[in-house]
Amino acid sequence: MAVHKFQDGIKAVPLSAYGKTYTPPPGSVNPKQDMSAPPEQVEKMDAATFFSLFAELMKENPPHANDYPIIDRMKRIGIEPGKNFSLETAAPEVQEALKAAPAILQVVNAALAGSANFSNGWRTNLTAAGTYGTDYLHRAGIAYGGLGANPIEDAVYPTAFADADGQPFDSARRYTMHFDKDRIPPVRAFWSLTMYDQRQLFAANPIDRYAIGDRDKLAFNPDGSLDLYVQRQSPGLEKESNGCRRRRVALSP
């Protein structure tokens, strides 16, 4: 295809190597990297760890111009872009307030749940995602539930936590997701059904299948409809092309 030829011609190199033969340096993996889910990492942090890391990250990720009003307010408690922050050296009242900050995670979770439209058992965020302006609570909610979400102009993420009867998903049960022929997801790029566990990470499974969608070799029914199978065990060899094996999932076509 023409688009593949175009993609094959794209290269990314440092500006200093532009027009020259370039061999990228070998990659490396930090064996001590914490591979737990981002929300779990945040939940384990105390206030001193969180806010010192926050100040450190602002050194490499300078605030946007929209953020200067809140930056000016944070300076009053000693948090400034480009500078270290130590809770131990902060004023007693600042220490007391910041030590109570982890309780805000409950508010963040509520913001995530309240930001989506609910219809037919699916929650879909059709408001700002990926671009937030100064709506920091909404931004935190989206990041907590889906770090790195695309703008809604590029992708939407319908998510379900319960079946058609309103019962929470149970890994001991078997589920079928059915699309009539004329109700296949109407996308201009692609759609997929992705499985996550309760940690918001891809769910480990025997066949290493973490998502299934229109780019896979799906088996359609004789009438053109489509059934996807979500369950712990194989739905049978004749149906396995349409199957996702999982433990606990959020469905995101």
C-alpha atoms as a PDB file:
ATOM      1  CA  MET A   1       0.000   0.000   0.000  1.00  0.00           C
ATOM      2  CA  ALA A   2       1.080   3.580  -0.624  1.00  0.00           C
ATOM      3  CA  VAL A   3       0.775   4.445   3.048  1.00  0.00           C
ATOM      4  CA  HIS A   4       3.147   1.613   4.014  1.00  0.00           C
ATOM      5  CA  LYS A   5       5.695   2.852   1.491  1.00  0.00           C
ATOM      6  CA  PHE A   6       5.377   6.312   2.994  1.00  0.00           C
ATOM      7  CA  GLN A   7       5.810   4.964   6.527  1.00  0.00           C
ATOM      8  CA  ASP A   8       8.863   2.929   5.520  1.00  0.00           C
ATOM      9  CA  GLY A   9      10.507   6.126   4.321  1.00  0.00           C
ATOM     10  CA  ILE A  10      10.168   7.924   7.654  1.00  0.00           C
ATOM     11  CA  LYS A  11      13.265   8.081   9.858  1.00  0.00           C
ATOM     12  CA  ALA A  12      13.856   9.765  13.196  1.00  0.00           C
ATOM     13  CA  VAL A  13      17.422  10.889  13.933  1.00  0.00           C
ATOM     14  CA  PRO A  14      19.071  13.588  16.056  1.00  0.00           C
ATOM     15  CA  LEU A  15      19.409  16.875  14.212  1.00  0.00           C
ATOM     16  CA  SER A  16      23.193  16.490  14.406  1.00  0.00           C
ATOM     17  CA  ALA A  17      22.921  13.275  12.378  1.00  0.00           C
ATOM     18  CA  TYR A  18      20.555  14.626   9.730  1.00  0.00           C
ATOM     19  CA  GLY A  19      21.702  13.597   6.272  1.00  0.00           C
ATOM     20  CA  LYS A  20      24.296  11.224   7.670  1.00  0.00           C
ATOM     21  CA  THR A  21      24.428   7.511   8.326  1.00  0.00           C
ATOM     22  CA  TYR A  22      23.162   7.031  11.846  1.00  0.00           C
ATOM     23  CA  THR A  23      23.194   4.029  14.135  1.00  0.00           C
ATOM     24  CA  PRO A  24      21.171   4.539  17.306  1.00  0.00           C
ATOM     25  CA  PRO A  25      22.853   3.632  20.591  1.00  0.00           C
ATOM     26  CA  PRO A  26      21.830   0.295  22.109  1.00  0.00           C
ATOM     27  CA  GLY A  27      18.883   0.450  24.442  1.00  0.00           C
ATOM     28  CA  SER A  28      19.076  -0.454  28.085  1.00  0.00           C
ATOM     29  CA  VAL A  29      16.637  -1.743  30.663  1.00  0.00           C
ATOM     30  CA  ASN A  30      16.763  -0.721  34.296  1.00  0.00           C
ATOM     31  CA  PRO A  31      16.428  -4.009  36.227  1.00  0.00           C
ATOM     32  CA  LYS A  32      15.278  -2.064  39.286  1.00  0.00           C
ATOM     33  CA  GLN A  33      12.428  -0.350  37.447  1.00  0.00           C
ATOM     34  CA  ASP A  34       9.182  -0.549  39.397  1.00  0.00           C
ATOM     35  CA  MET A  35       6.818  -2.395  37.064  1.00  0.00           C
ATOM     36  CA  SER A  36       3.724  -2.026  39.221  1.00  0.00           C
ATOM     37  CA  ALA A  37       0.789   0.009  37.914  1.00  0.00           C
ATOM     38  CA  PRO A  38       1.185   3.814  38.120  1.00  0.00           C
ATOM     39  CA  PRO A  39      -1.803   4.219  40.508  1.00  0.00           C
ATOM     40  CA  GLU A  40      -0.244   1.651  42.837  1.00  0.00           C
ATOM     41  CA  GLN A  41       3.041   3.553  42.812  1.00  0.00           C
ATOM     42  CA  VAL A  42       1.280   6.802  43.654  1.00  0.00           C
ATOM     43  CA  GLU A  43      -0.761   5.201  46.434  1.00  0.00           C
ATOM     44  CA  LYS A  44       2.414   3.915  48.102  1.00  0.00           C
ATOM     45  CA  MET A  45       4.032   7.370  48.249  1.00  0.00           C
ATOM     46  CA  ASP A  46       3.941   9.483  51.376  1.00  0.00           C
ATOM     47  CA  ALA A  47       3.665  13.253  51.047  1.00  0.00           C
ATOM     48  CA  ALA A  48       7.417  13.842  51.300  1.00  0.00           C
ATOM     49  CA  THR A  49       8.142  11.409  48.457  1.00  0.00           C
ATOM     50  CA  PHE A  50       5.324  12.642  46.242  1.00  0.00           C
ATOM     51  CA  PHE A  51       6.038  16.368  46.437  1.00  0.00           C
ATOM     52  CA  SER A  52       9.821  16.023  46.170  1.00  0.00           C
ATOM     53  CA  LEU A  53       9.286  13.914  43.035  1.00  0.00           C
ATOM     54  CA  PHE A  54       6.757  16.441  41.764  1.00  0.00           C
ATOM     55  CA  ALA A  55       9.356  19.228  42.083  1.00  0.00           C
ATOM     56  CA  GLU A  56      12.012  17.073  40.424  1.00  0.00           C
ATOM     57  CA  LEU A  57       9.770  16.272  37.446  1.00  0.00           C
ATOM     58  CA  MET A  58       9.058  19.955  36.882  1.00  0.00           C
ATOM     59  CA  LYS A  59      12.751  20.449  36.129  1.00  0.00           C
ATOM     60  CA  GLU A  60      12.511  18.357  32.957  1.00  0.00           C
ATOM     61  CA  ASN A  61       8.858  19.133  32.261  1.00  0.00           C
ATOM     62  CA  PRO A  62       8.410  22.898  32.658  1.00  0.00           C
ATOM     63  CA  PRO A  63       4.863  24.100  33.331  1.00  0.00           C
ATOM     64  CA  HIS A  64       2.714  25.373  30.469  1.00  0.00           C
ATOM     65  CA  ALA A  65       1.974  29.081  30.274  1.00  0.00           C
ATOM     66  CA  ASN A  66      -1.583  28.320  31.417  1.00  0.00           C
ATOM     67  CA  ASP A  67      -0.178  26.997  34.693  1.00  0.00           C
ATOM     68  CA  TYR A  68       1.516  30.156  35.940  1.00  0.00           C
ATOM     69  CA  PRO A  69      -1.364  31.268  38.175  1.00  0.00           C
ATOM     70  CA  ILE A  70      -1.257  27.982  40.103  1.00  0.00           C
ATOM     71  CA  ILE A  71       2.570  28.027  40.008  1.00  0.00           C
ATOM     72  CA  ASP A  72       2.503  31.423  41.738  1.00  0.00           C
ATOM     73  CA  ARG A  73       0.254  29.968  44.425  1.00  0.00           C
ATOM     74  CA  MET A  74       2.511  26.933  44.925  1.00  0.00           C
ATOM     75  CA  LYS A  75       5.520  29.186  45.440  1.00  0.00           C
ATOM     76  CA  ARG A  76       3.859  30.358  48.655  1.00  0.00           C
ATOM     77  CA  ILE A  77       4.418  26.880  50.114  1.00  0.00           C
ATOM     78  CA  GLY A  78       7.895  26.437  48.674  1.00  0.00           C
ATOM     79  CA  ILE A  79       7.188  24.439  45.503  1.00  0.00           C
ATOM     80  CA  GLU A  80       8.844  26.131  42.517  1.00  0.00           C
ATOM     81  CA  PRO A  81       9.752  24.896  39.023  1.00  0.00           C
ATOM     82  CA  GLY A  82      13.446  24.091  38.725  1.00  0.00           C
ATOM     83  CA  LYS A  83      14.019  23.855  42.459  1.00  0.00           C
ATOM     84  CA  ASN A  84      14.166  20.965  44.897  1.00  0.00           C
ATOM     85  CA  PHE A  85      11.491  20.618  47.552  1.00  0.00           C
ATOM     86  CA  SER A  86      11.878  19.046  50.973  1.00  0.00           C
ATOM     87  CA  LEU A  87       8.866  18.578  53.183  1.00  0.00           C
ATOM     88  CA  GLU A  88      11.091  18.489  56.270  1.00  0.00           C
ATOM     89  CA  THR A  89      12.196  22.088  55.761  1.00  0.00           C
ATOM     90  CA  ALA A  90       8.715  23.422  55.024  1.00  0.00           C
ATOM     91  CA  ALA A  91       6.760  25.430  57.579  1.00  0.00           C
ATOM     92  CA  PRO A  92       4.808  23.319  60.101  1.00  0.00           C
ATOM     93  CA  GLU A  93       1.433  24.333  58.672  1.00  0.00           C
ATOM     94  CA  VAL A  94       2.626  23.430  55.161  1.00  0.00           C
ATOM     95  CA  GLN A  95       3.823  20.034  56.373  1.00  0.00           C
ATOM     96  CA  GLU A  96       0.467  19.384  58.033  1.00  0.00           C
ATOM     97  CA  ALA A  97      -1.487  20.318  54.911  1.00  0.00           C
ATOM     98  CA  LEU A  98       0.656  18.304  52.498  1.00  0.00           C
ATOM     99  CA  LYS A  99       0.668  15.220  54.720  1.00  0.00           C
ATOM    100  CA  ALA A 100      -3.124  15.240  54.448  1.00  0.00           C
ATOM    101  CA  ALA A 101      -2.985  15.508  50.640  1.00  0.00           C
ATOM    102  CA  PRO A 102      -3.143  11.724  49.873  1.00  0.00           C
ATOM    103  CA  ALA A 103      -6.797  11.799  50.927  1.00  0.00           C
ATOM    104  CA  ILE A 104      -7.463  13.665  47.659  1.00  0.00           C
ATOM    105  CA  LEU A 105      -7.192  10.345  45.793  1.00  0.00           C
ATOM    106  CA  GLN A 106     -10.806   9.639  46.761  1.00  0.00           C
ATOM    107  CA  VAL A 107     -11.825  12.922  45.127  1.00  0.00           C
ATOM    108  CA  VAL A 108      -9.745  12.075  42.041  1.00  0.00           C
ATOM    109  CA  ASN A 109     -11.487   8.716  41.706  1.00  0.00           C
ATOM    110  CA  ALA A 110     -14.882  10.403  41.981  1.00  0.00           C
ATOM    111  CA  ALA A 111     -13.850  12.913  39.300  1.00  0.00           C
ATOM    112  CA  LEU A 112     -12.939  10.076  36.963  1.00  0.00           C
ATOM    113  CA  ALA A 113     -16.290   8.329  37.442  1.00  0.00           C
ATOM    114  CA  GLY A 114     -18.234  11.558  37.066  1.00  0.00           C
ATOM    115  CA  SER A 115     -16.492  12.747  33.915  1.00  0.00           C
ATOM    116  CA  ALA A 116     -17.979  10.109  31.628  1.00  0.00           C
ATOM    117  CA  ASN A 117     -21.361   9.710  29.963  1.00  0.00           C
ATOM    118  CA  PHE A 118     -23.134   6.504  30.976  1.00  0.00           C
ATOM    119  CA  SER A 119     -25.224   4.630  28.415  1.00  0.00           C
ATOM    120  CA  ASN A 120     -26.177   0.960  28.020  1.00  0.00           C
ATOM    121  CA  GLY A 121     -23.702  -0.064  30.695  1.00  0.00           C
ATOM    122  CA  TRP A 122     -20.739   1.756  29.146  1.00  0.00           C
ATOM    123  CA  ARG A 123     -18.947   4.827  30.437  1.00  0.00           C
ATOM    124  CA  THR A 124     -17.498   7.019  27.688  1.00  0.00           C
ATOM    125  CA  ASN A 125     -15.600  10.249  28.273  1.00  0.00           C
ATOM    126  CA  LEU A 126     -16.732  12.664  25.581  1.00  0.00           C
ATOM    127  CA  THR A 127     -15.420  15.765  27.336  1.00  0.00           C
ATOM    128  CA  ALA A 128     -11.828  16.954  27.373  1.00  0.00           C
ATOM    129  CA  ALA A 129      -9.225  14.194  27.475  1.00  0.00           C
ATOM    130  CA  GLY A 130      -5.632  14.702  26.507  1.00  0.00           C
ATOM    131  CA  THR A 131      -6.135  18.476  26.660  1.00  0.00           C
ATOM    132  CA  TYR A 132      -7.271  19.927  29.972  1.00  0.00           C
ATOM    133  CA  GLY A 133      -6.390  23.600  30.232  1.00  0.00           C
ATOM    134  CA  THR A 134      -6.342  24.331  33.954  1.00  0.00           C
ATOM    135  CA  ASP A 135      -8.944  21.753  34.977  1.00  0.00           C
ATOM    136  CA  TYR A 136      -6.459  19.916  37.176  1.00  0.00           C
ATOM    137  CA  LEU A 137      -8.977  17.688  38.923  1.00  0.00           C
ATOM    138  CA  HIS A 138     -10.318  16.380  35.623  1.00  0.00           C
ATOM    139  CA  ARG A 139      -6.767  15.910  34.380  1.00  0.00           C
ATOM    140  CA  ALA A 140      -5.832  13.958  37.501  1.00  0.00           C
ATOM    141  CA  GLY A 141      -8.918  11.769  37.156  1.00  0.00           C
ATOM    142  CA  ILE A 142      -8.159  10.842  33.552  1.00  0.00           C
ATOM    143  CA  ALA A 143      -4.489  10.205  34.364  1.00  0.00           C
ATOM    144  CA  TYR A 144      -5.433   8.018  37.319  1.00  0.00           C
ATOM    145  CA  GLY A 145      -7.738   5.853  35.216  1.00  0.00           C
ATOM    146  CA  GLY A 146      -6.002   5.996  31.825  1.00  0.00           C
ATOM    147  CA  LEU A 147      -2.561   7.573  31.844  1.00  0.00           C
ATOM    148  CA  GLY A 148      -1.665   8.970  28.429  1.00  0.00           C
ATOM    149  CA  ALA A 149      -5.194   9.054  27.033  1.00  0.00           C
ATOM    150  CA  ASN A 150      -5.557  10.407  23.510  1.00  0.00           C
ATOM    151  CA  PRO A 151      -7.662  13.510  22.811  1.00  0.00           C
ATOM    152  CA  ILE A 152     -11.280  12.674  22.025  1.00  0.00           C
ATOM    153  CA  GLU A 153     -10.706  13.900  18.456  1.00  0.00           C
ATOM    154  CA  ASP A 154      -8.385  10.907  18.013  1.00  0.00           C
ATOM    155  CA  ALA A 155      -9.938   8.164  20.142  1.00  0.00           C
ATOM    156  CA  VAL A 156     -12.735   7.392  22.582  1.00  0.00           C
ATOM    157  CA  TYR A 157     -12.616   4.703  25.247  1.00  0.00           C
ATOM    158  CA  PRO A 158     -15.987   3.200  26.201  1.00  0.00           C
ATOM    159  CA  THR A 159     -15.384   1.254  29.419  1.00  0.00           C
ATOM    160  CA  ALA A 160     -17.545  -1.309  31.175  1.00  0.00           C
ATOM    161  CA  PHE A 161     -17.177  -2.755  34.660  1.00  0.00           C
ATOM    162  CA  ALA A 162     -20.360  -4.840  34.666  1.00  0.00           C
ATOM    163  CA  ASP A 163     -22.254  -7.159  32.333  1.00  0.00           C
ATOM    164  CA  ALA A 164     -25.615  -6.581  30.613  1.00  0.00           C
ATOM    165  CA  ASP A 165     -27.413  -7.558  33.842  1.00  0.00           C
ATOM    166  CA  GLY A 166     -25.491  -5.011  35.868  1.00  0.00           C
ATOM    167  CA  GLN A 167     -23.368  -7.637  37.625  1.00  0.00           C
ATOM    168  CA  PRO A 168     -19.646  -6.890  38.082  1.00  0.00           C
ATOM    169  CA  PHE A 169     -17.435  -8.862  35.735  1.00  0.00           C
ATOM    170  CA  ASP A 170     -16.427 -12.193  37.221  1.00  0.00           C
ATOM    171  CA  SER A 171     -13.437 -14.142  35.920  1.00  0.00           C
ATOM    172  CA  ALA A 172     -15.289 -17.409  36.566  1.00  0.00           C
ATOM    173  CA  ARG A 173     -17.941 -16.524  33.977  1.00  0.00           C
ATOM    174  CA  ARG A 174     -17.947 -16.483  30.185  1.00  0.00           C
ATOM    175  CA  TYR A 175     -18.976 -13.407  28.221  1.00  0.00           C
ATOM    176  CA  THR A 176     -19.985 -12.804  24.610  1.00  0.00           C
ATOM    177  CA  MET A 177     -19.922  -9.377  23.013  1.00  0.00           C
ATOM    178  CA  HIS A 178     -22.206  -9.311  19.963  1.00  0.00           C
ATOM    179  CA  PHE A 179     -22.274  -6.833  17.078  1.00  0.00           C
ATOM    180  CA  ASP A 180     -25.027  -6.972  14.468  1.00  0.00           C
ATOM    181  CA  LYS A 181     -23.789  -6.647  10.881  1.00  0.00           C
ATOM    182  CA  ASP A 182     -24.854  -3.020  10.665  1.00  0.00           C
ATOM    183  CA  ARG A 183     -23.575  -2.180  14.165  1.00  0.00           C
ATOM    184  CA  ILE A 184     -19.893  -3.007  13.812  1.00  0.00           C
ATOM    185  CA  PRO A 185     -18.003  -0.053  15.430  1.00  0.00           C
ATOM    186  CA  PRO A 186     -18.151   2.784  12.850  1.00  0.00           C
ATOM    187  CA  VAL A 187     -14.544   3.963  12.953  1.00  0.00           C
ATOM    188  CA  ARG A 188     -12.321   5.629  10.384  1.00  0.00           C
ATOM    189  CA  ALA A 189      -9.122   4.117  11.788  1.00  0.00           C
ATOM    190  CA  PHE A 190      -9.512   1.050  13.995  1.00  0.00           C
ATOM    191  CA  TRP A 191     -11.364  -0.380  16.948  1.00  0.00           C
ATOM    192  CA  SER A 192     -10.270  -2.901  19.559  1.00  0.00           C
ATOM    193  CA  LEU A 193     -11.482  -4.666  22.681  1.00  0.00           C
ATOM    194  CA  THR A 194      -8.725  -4.503  25.305  1.00  0.00           C
ATOM    195  CA  MET A 195      -8.499  -6.446  28.524  1.00  0.00           C
ATOM    196  CA  TYR A 196      -7.154  -5.041  31.776  1.00  0.00           C
ATOM    197  CA  ASP A 197      -6.911  -6.411  35.271  1.00  0.00           C
ATOM    198  CA  GLN A 198      -7.827  -4.685  38.527  1.00  0.00           C
ATOM    199  CA  ARG A 199      -4.442  -2.912  38.542  1.00  0.00           C
ATOM    200  CA  GLN A 200      -5.178  -1.202  35.218  1.00  0.00           C
ATOM    201  CA  LEU A 201      -2.501  -3.332  33.552  1.00  0.00           C
ATOM    202  CA  PHE A 202      -2.933  -5.801  30.703  1.00  0.00           C
ATOM    203  CA  ALA A 203      -4.211  -9.080  32.108  1.00  0.00           C
ATOM    204  CA  ALA A 204      -1.754 -11.978  31.779  1.00  0.00           C
ATOM    205  CA  ASN A 205      -3.274 -14.937  29.942  1.00  0.00           C
ATOM    206  CA  PRO A 206      -2.147 -18.274  28.439  1.00  0.00           C
ATOM    207  CA  ILE A 207      -2.307 -17.162  24.796  1.00  0.00           C
ATOM    208  CA  ASP A 208      -0.757 -13.708  25.376  1.00  0.00           C
ATOM    209  CA  ARG A 209      -3.684 -11.948  23.724  1.00  0.00           C
ATOM    210  CA  TYR A 210      -4.348  -8.566  25.313  1.00  0.00           C
ATOM    211  CA  ALA A 211      -6.548  -6.947  22.680  1.00  0.00           C
ATOM    212  CA  ILE A 212      -8.623  -8.005  19.702  1.00  0.00           C
ATOM    213  CA  GLY A 213     -10.087  -5.868  16.957  1.00  0.00           C
ATOM    214  CA  ASP A 214     -10.589  -5.152  13.302  1.00  0.00           C
ATOM    215  CA  ARG A 215      -6.895  -5.662  12.510  1.00  0.00           C
ATOM    216  CA  ASP A 216      -7.124  -9.297  13.587  1.00  0.00           C
ATOM    217  CA  LYS A 217      -8.343 -12.225  11.473  1.00  0.00           C
ATOM    218  CA  LEU A 218     -11.837 -12.335  12.914  1.00  0.00           C
ATOM    219  CA  ALA A 219     -14.418 -14.978  12.050  1.00  0.00           C
ATOM    220  CA  PHE A 220     -17.767 -13.369  11.230  1.00  0.00           C
ATOM    221  CA  ASN A 221     -21.080 -15.172  11.520  1.00  0.00           C
ATOM    222  CA  PRO A 222     -22.893 -16.233   8.298  1.00  0.00           C
ATOM    223  CA  ASP A 223     -25.210 -13.207   8.582  1.00  0.00           C
ATOM    224  CA  GLY A 224     -22.249 -10.811   8.854  1.00  0.00           C
ATOM    225  CA  SER A 225     -22.583 -10.245  12.591  1.00  0.00           C
ATOM    226  CA  LEU A 226     -19.651 -10.642  14.963  1.00  0.00           C
ATOM    227  CA  ASP A 227     -19.255 -12.347  18.347  1.00  0.00           C
ATOM    228  CA  LEU A 228     -16.252 -11.776  20.609  1.00  0.00           C
ATOM    229  CA  TYR A 229     -15.632 -14.155  23.501  1.00  0.00           C
ATOM    230  CA  VAL A 230     -14.154 -12.962  26.783  1.00  0.00           C
ATOM    231  CA  GLN A 231     -13.391 -15.701  29.267  1.00  0.00           C
ATOM    232  CA  ARG A 232     -10.681 -17.467  31.216  1.00  0.00           C
ATOM    233  CA  GLN A 233     -10.592 -20.644  29.144  1.00  0.00           C
ATOM    234  CA  SER A 234     -10.599 -21.129  25.373  1.00  0.00           C
ATOM    235  CA  PRO A 235     -14.066 -20.827  23.800  1.00  0.00           C
ATOM    236  CA  GLY A 236     -13.111 -23.749  21.549  1.00  0.00           C
ATOM    237  CA  LEU A 237     -10.712 -24.008  18.642  1.00  0.00           C
ATOM    238  CA  GLU A 238     -13.346 -22.905  16.115  1.00  0.00           C
ATOM    239  CA  LYS A 239     -14.017 -19.728  18.122  1.00  0.00           C
ATOM    240  CA  GLU A 240     -10.542 -18.936  19.432  1.00  0.00           C
ATOM    241  CA  SER A 241      -9.836 -16.406  16.660  1.00  0.00           C
ATOM    242  CA  ASN A 242     -12.477 -14.207  18.306  1.00  0.00           C
ATOM    243  CA  GLY A 243     -11.509 -14.922  21.892  1.00  0.00           C
ATOM    244  CA  CYS A 244      -9.865 -12.957  24.691  1.00  0.00           C
ATOM    245  CA  ARG A 245      -8.786 -14.892  27.742  1.00  0.00           C
ATOM    246  CA  ARG A 246      -8.752 -12.795  30.859  1.00  0.00           C
ATOM    247  CA  ARG A 247      -9.110 -12.442  34.575  1.00  0.00           C
ATOM    248  CA  ARG A 248     -10.827  -9.121  35.340  1.00  0.00           C
ATOM    249  CA  VAL A 249     -11.256  -6.602  32.550  1.00  0.00           C
ATOM    250  CA  ALA A 250     -12.352  -3.178  31.479  1.00  0.00           C
ATOM    251  CA  LEU A 251     -13.676  -3.263  27.927  1.00  0.00           C
ATOM    252  CA  SER A 252     -12.423  -0.492  25.697  1.00  0.00           C
ATOM    253  CA  PRO A 253     -13.444  -0.744  22.058  1.00  0.00           C
END
